[in-house]
Amino acid sequence: MNQREAKSHAAKLPAGLDAPVFAEPWQAEAFAMTVALHDKGLFSWSEWADALSAEVKKPGAASDGHDYYEHWLAALENLLSAKGVAGKGDVDALAAAWERAAHATPHGKPILLENDPSPTEGRGRPTEGLG
């Protein structure tokens, strides 16, 4: 398909399909982690659907769905905990470690967990079992 054919084909798509699927990078990362963990056999798609459905149906969910990936992330965290892979405290500690590493990393350099200036603050090795 050449460029002209592609543009013609795209013109026939319903409105809004050319918009980004993910509003923020973390949403794409949460999506990718979910797919990768399913592919590793951590949970089935029906388990995932049940976990996500339970989160989306909780009181306070936005009627316009703008908080969908927040529910997605909560469902993933709940499954990680239920499967004994990582409890909420482990996830929170690892997120804090990445945040500290990001702040300690010079602009333009890759953010590495090894850059965390306080590697023992509130965590053991929560990454064990995730890889």
C-alpha atoms as a PDB file:
ATOM      1  CA  MET A   1       0.000   0.000   0.000  1.00  0.00           C
ATOM      2  CA  ASN A   2       1.466   3.323  -0.993  1.00  0.00           C
ATOM      3  CA  GLN A   3       1.093   6.578   0.951  1.00  0.00           C
ATOM      4  CA  ARG A   4      -1.867   7.801  -1.125  1.00  0.00           C
ATOM      5  CA  GLU A   5      -3.746   4.525  -0.647  1.00  0.00           C
ATOM      6  CA  ALA A   6      -3.000   4.592   3.082  1.00  0.00           C
ATOM      7  CA  LYS A   7      -4.404   8.128   3.424  1.00  0.00           C
ATOM      8  CA  SER A   8      -7.504   7.131   1.480  1.00  0.00           C
ATOM      9  CA  HIS A   9      -7.946   4.062   3.658  1.00  0.00           C
ATOM     10  CA  ALA A  10      -7.469   6.109   6.847  1.00  0.00           C
ATOM     11  CA  ALA A  11     -10.077   8.607   5.697  1.00  0.00           C
ATOM     12  CA  LYS A  12     -12.698   5.836   5.867  1.00  0.00           C
ATOM     13  CA  LEU A  13     -12.002   5.074   9.549  1.00  0.00           C
ATOM     14  CA  PRO A  14     -14.467   6.309  12.168  1.00  0.00           C
ATOM     15  CA  ALA A  15     -13.618   9.589  13.889  1.00  0.00           C
ATOM     16  CA  GLY A  16     -11.274   9.305  16.854  1.00  0.00           C
ATOM     17  CA  LEU A  17      -9.409   6.195  15.729  1.00  0.00           C
ATOM     18  CA  ASP A  18      -6.364   8.253  14.861  1.00  0.00           C
ATOM     19  CA  ALA A  19      -6.100   9.509  18.467  1.00  0.00           C
ATOM     20  CA  PRO A  20      -3.388   8.015  20.689  1.00  0.00           C
ATOM     21  CA  VAL A  21      -4.429   4.818  22.467  1.00  0.00           C
ATOM     22  CA  PHE A  22      -2.601   5.839  25.642  1.00  0.00           C
ATOM     23  CA  ALA A  23      -2.767   9.325  27.106  1.00  0.00           C
ATOM     24  CA  GLU A  24       0.467   8.874  29.084  1.00  0.00           C
ATOM     25  CA  PRO A  25       3.514   6.583  28.833  1.00  0.00           C
ATOM     26  CA  TRP A  26       2.780   4.825  32.153  1.00  0.00           C
ATOM     27  CA  GLN A  27      -0.509   3.583  30.698  1.00  0.00           C
ATOM     28  CA  ALA A  28       1.288   1.851  27.838  1.00  0.00           C
ATOM     29  CA  GLU A  29       3.774   0.393  30.321  1.00  0.00           C
ATOM     30  CA  ALA A  30       0.972  -0.970  32.550  1.00  0.00           C
ATOM     31  CA  PHE A  31      -0.665  -2.481  29.480  1.00  0.00           C
ATOM     32  CA  ALA A  32       2.606  -4.066  28.351  1.00  0.00           C
ATOM     33  CA  MET A  33       3.346  -5.461  31.824  1.00  0.00           C
ATOM     34  CA  THR A  34      -0.103  -7.036  31.949  1.00  0.00           C
ATOM     35  CA  VAL A  35       0.367  -8.711  28.573  1.00  0.00           C
ATOM     36  CA  ALA A  36       3.879  -9.896  29.502  1.00  0.00           C
ATOM     37  CA  LEU A  37       2.746 -11.353  32.830  1.00  0.00           C
ATOM     38  CA  HIS A  38      -0.149 -13.123  31.127  1.00  0.00           C
ATOM     39  CA  ASP A  39       2.245 -14.491  28.502  1.00  0.00           C
ATOM     40  CA  LYS A  40       4.437 -15.843  31.338  1.00  0.00           C
ATOM     41  CA  GLY A  41       1.377 -17.678  32.692  1.00  0.00           C
ATOM     42  CA  LEU A  42       0.891 -15.643  35.864  1.00  0.00           C
ATOM     43  CA  PHE A  43      -2.856 -15.337  35.202  1.00  0.00           C
ATOM     44  CA  SER A  44      -5.451 -16.212  32.589  1.00  0.00           C
ATOM     45  CA  TRP A  45      -7.373 -13.648  30.565  1.00  0.00           C
ATOM     46  CA  SER A  46     -10.548 -14.536  32.454  1.00  0.00           C
ATOM     47  CA  GLU A  47      -8.756 -13.854  35.755  1.00  0.00           C
ATOM     48  CA  TRP A  48      -7.563 -10.549  34.314  1.00  0.00           C
ATOM     49  CA  ALA A  49     -11.035  -9.620  33.076  1.00  0.00           C
ATOM     50  CA  ASP A  50     -12.534 -10.401  36.494  1.00  0.00           C
ATOM     51  CA  ALA A  51      -9.886  -8.315  38.297  1.00  0.00           C
ATOM     52  CA  LEU A  52     -10.259  -5.344  35.944  1.00  0.00           C
ATOM     53  CA  SER A  53     -14.044  -5.535  36.005  1.00  0.00           C
ATOM     54  CA  ALA A  54     -14.057  -5.482  39.809  1.00  0.00           C
ATOM     55  CA  GLU A  55     -11.919  -2.326  39.798  1.00  0.00           C
ATOM     56  CA  VAL A  56     -13.943  -0.498  37.152  1.00  0.00           C
ATOM     57  CA  LYS A  57     -17.194  -1.260  38.991  1.00  0.00           C
ATOM     58  CA  LYS A  58     -15.978   0.190  42.305  1.00  0.00           C
ATOM     59  CA  PRO A  59     -17.815   3.278  43.574  1.00  0.00           C
ATOM     60  CA  GLY A  60     -16.238   6.516  42.464  1.00  0.00           C
ATOM     61  CA  ALA A  61     -15.164   5.373  39.009  1.00  0.00           C
ATOM     62  CA  ALA A  62     -15.359   8.204  36.490  1.00  0.00           C
ATOM     63  CA  SER A  63     -18.397   7.952  34.246  1.00  0.00           C
ATOM     64  CA  ASP A  64     -16.352   9.190  31.273  1.00  0.00           C
ATOM     65  CA  GLY A  65     -13.697   6.513  31.817  1.00  0.00           C
ATOM     66  CA  HIS A  66     -10.756   8.923  32.143  1.00  0.00           C
ATOM     67  CA  ASP A  67      -9.524   6.877  35.112  1.00  0.00           C
ATOM     68  CA  TYR A  68      -9.604   3.566  33.236  1.00  0.00           C
ATOM     69  CA  TYR A  69      -5.846   2.930  33.413  1.00  0.00           C
ATOM     70  CA  GLU A  70      -5.793   3.777  37.116  1.00  0.00           C
ATOM     71  CA  HIS A  71      -8.248   0.880  37.508  1.00  0.00           C
ATOM     72  CA  TRP A  72      -6.086  -1.189  35.163  1.00  0.00           C
ATOM     73  CA  LEU A  73      -3.046  -0.573  37.356  1.00  0.00           C
ATOM     74  CA  ALA A  74      -4.974  -1.341  40.565  1.00  0.00           C
ATOM     75  CA  ALA A  75      -6.213  -4.616  39.039  1.00  0.00           C
ATOM     76  CA  LEU A  76      -2.653  -5.557  38.085  1.00  0.00           C
ATOM     77  CA  GLU A  77      -1.356  -4.742  41.570  1.00  0.00           C
ATOM     78  CA  ASN A  78      -4.156  -6.810  43.118  1.00  0.00           C
ATOM     79  CA  LEU A  79      -3.325  -9.793  40.913  1.00  0.00           C
ATOM     80  CA  LEU A  80       0.377  -9.515  41.740  1.00  0.00           C
ATOM     81  CA  SER A  81      -0.519  -9.571  45.414  1.00  0.00           C
ATOM     82  CA  ALA A  82      -3.061 -12.400  45.098  1.00  0.00           C
ATOM     83  CA  LYS A  83      -0.535 -14.521  43.199  1.00  0.00           C
ATOM     84  CA  GLY A  84       2.148 -13.877  45.833  1.00  0.00           C
ATOM     85  CA  VAL A  85       4.445 -12.110  43.375  1.00  0.00           C
ATOM     86  CA  ALA A  86       4.501  -8.674  45.015  1.00  0.00           C
ATOM     87  CA  GLY A  87       2.409  -7.202  47.786  1.00  0.00           C
ATOM     88  CA  LYS A  88       1.193  -3.606  47.793  1.00  0.00           C
ATOM     89  CA  GLY A  89       4.077  -2.605  50.075  1.00  0.00           C
ATOM     90  CA  ASP A  90       6.566  -4.138  47.647  1.00  0.00           C
ATOM     91  CA  VAL A  91       5.025  -2.311  44.698  1.00  0.00           C
ATOM     92  CA  ASP A  92       4.936   0.987  46.600  1.00  0.00           C
ATOM     93  CA  ALA A  93       8.549   0.587  47.751  1.00  0.00           C
ATOM     94  CA  LEU A  94       9.737  -0.171  44.239  1.00  0.00           C
ATOM     95  CA  ALA A  95       7.803   2.800  42.822  1.00  0.00           C
ATOM     96  CA  ALA A  96       9.408   5.046  45.449  1.00  0.00           C
ATOM     97  CA  ALA A  97      12.844   3.669  44.568  1.00  0.00           C
ATOM     98  CA  TRP A  98      12.304   4.455  40.880  1.00  0.00           C
ATOM     99  CA  GLU A  99      11.107   7.950  41.810  1.00  0.00           C
ATOM    100  CA  ARG A 100      14.249   8.563  43.893  1.00  0.00           C
ATOM    101  CA  ALA A 101      16.415   7.160  41.083  1.00  0.00           C
ATOM    102  CA  ALA A 102      14.710   9.469  38.580  1.00  0.00           C
ATOM    103  CA  HIS A 103      15.396  12.518  40.732  1.00  0.00           C
ATOM    104  CA  ALA A 104      19.029  11.464  41.204  1.00  0.00           C
ATOM    105  CA  THR A 105      19.672  10.863  37.512  1.00  0.00           C
ATOM    106  CA  PRO A 106      21.227  13.681  35.463  1.00  0.00           C
ATOM    107  CA  HIS A 107      19.068  15.000  32.634  1.00  0.00           C
ATOM    108  CA  GLY A 108      19.494  13.022  29.446  1.00  0.00           C
ATOM    109  CA  LYS A 109      20.896   9.938  31.171  1.00  0.00           C
ATOM    110  CA  PRO A 110      18.980   6.650  31.486  1.00  0.00           C
ATOM    111  CA  ILE A 111      17.106   6.193  34.741  1.00  0.00           C
ATOM    112  CA  LEU A 112      18.441   3.089  36.443  1.00  0.00           C
ATOM    113  CA  LEU A 113      17.292   1.636  39.733  1.00  0.00           C
ATOM    114  CA  GLU A 114      20.971   1.546  40.707  1.00  0.00           C
ATOM    115  CA  ASN A 115      20.806   5.379  40.780  1.00  0.00           C
ATOM    116  CA  ASP A 116      18.511   5.244  43.836  1.00  0.00           C
ATOM    117  CA  PRO A 117      20.480   7.142  46.516  1.00  0.00           C
ATOM    118  CA  SER A 118      18.687   5.220  49.311  1.00  0.00           C
ATOM    119  CA  PRO A 119      18.556   1.628  47.998  1.00  0.00           C
ATOM    120  CA  THR A 120      17.643   0.109  51.356  1.00  0.00           C
ATOM    121  CA  GLU A 121      14.946   2.628  52.311  1.00  0.00           C
ATOM    122  CA  GLY A 122      11.806   0.641  53.074  1.00  0.00           C
ATOM    123  CA  ARG A 123      12.492  -2.330  50.837  1.00  0.00           C
ATOM    124  CA  GLY A 124      14.318  -5.566  50.482  1.00  0.00           C
ATOM    125  CA  ARG A 125      14.516  -6.742  46.903  1.00  0.00           C
ATOM    126  CA  PRO A 126      10.936  -6.349  45.589  1.00  0.00           C
ATOM    127  CA  THR A 127      12.051  -7.032  42.030  1.00  0.00           C
ATOM    128  CA  GLU A 128      12.774 -10.672  42.842  1.00  0.00           C
ATOM    129  CA  GLY A 129      10.213 -12.936  41.254  1.00  0.00           C
ATOM    130  CA  LEU A 130       9.042 -10.291  38.763  1.00  0.00           C
ATOM    131  CA  GLY A 131      11.532 -11.069  36.031  1.00  0.00           C
END
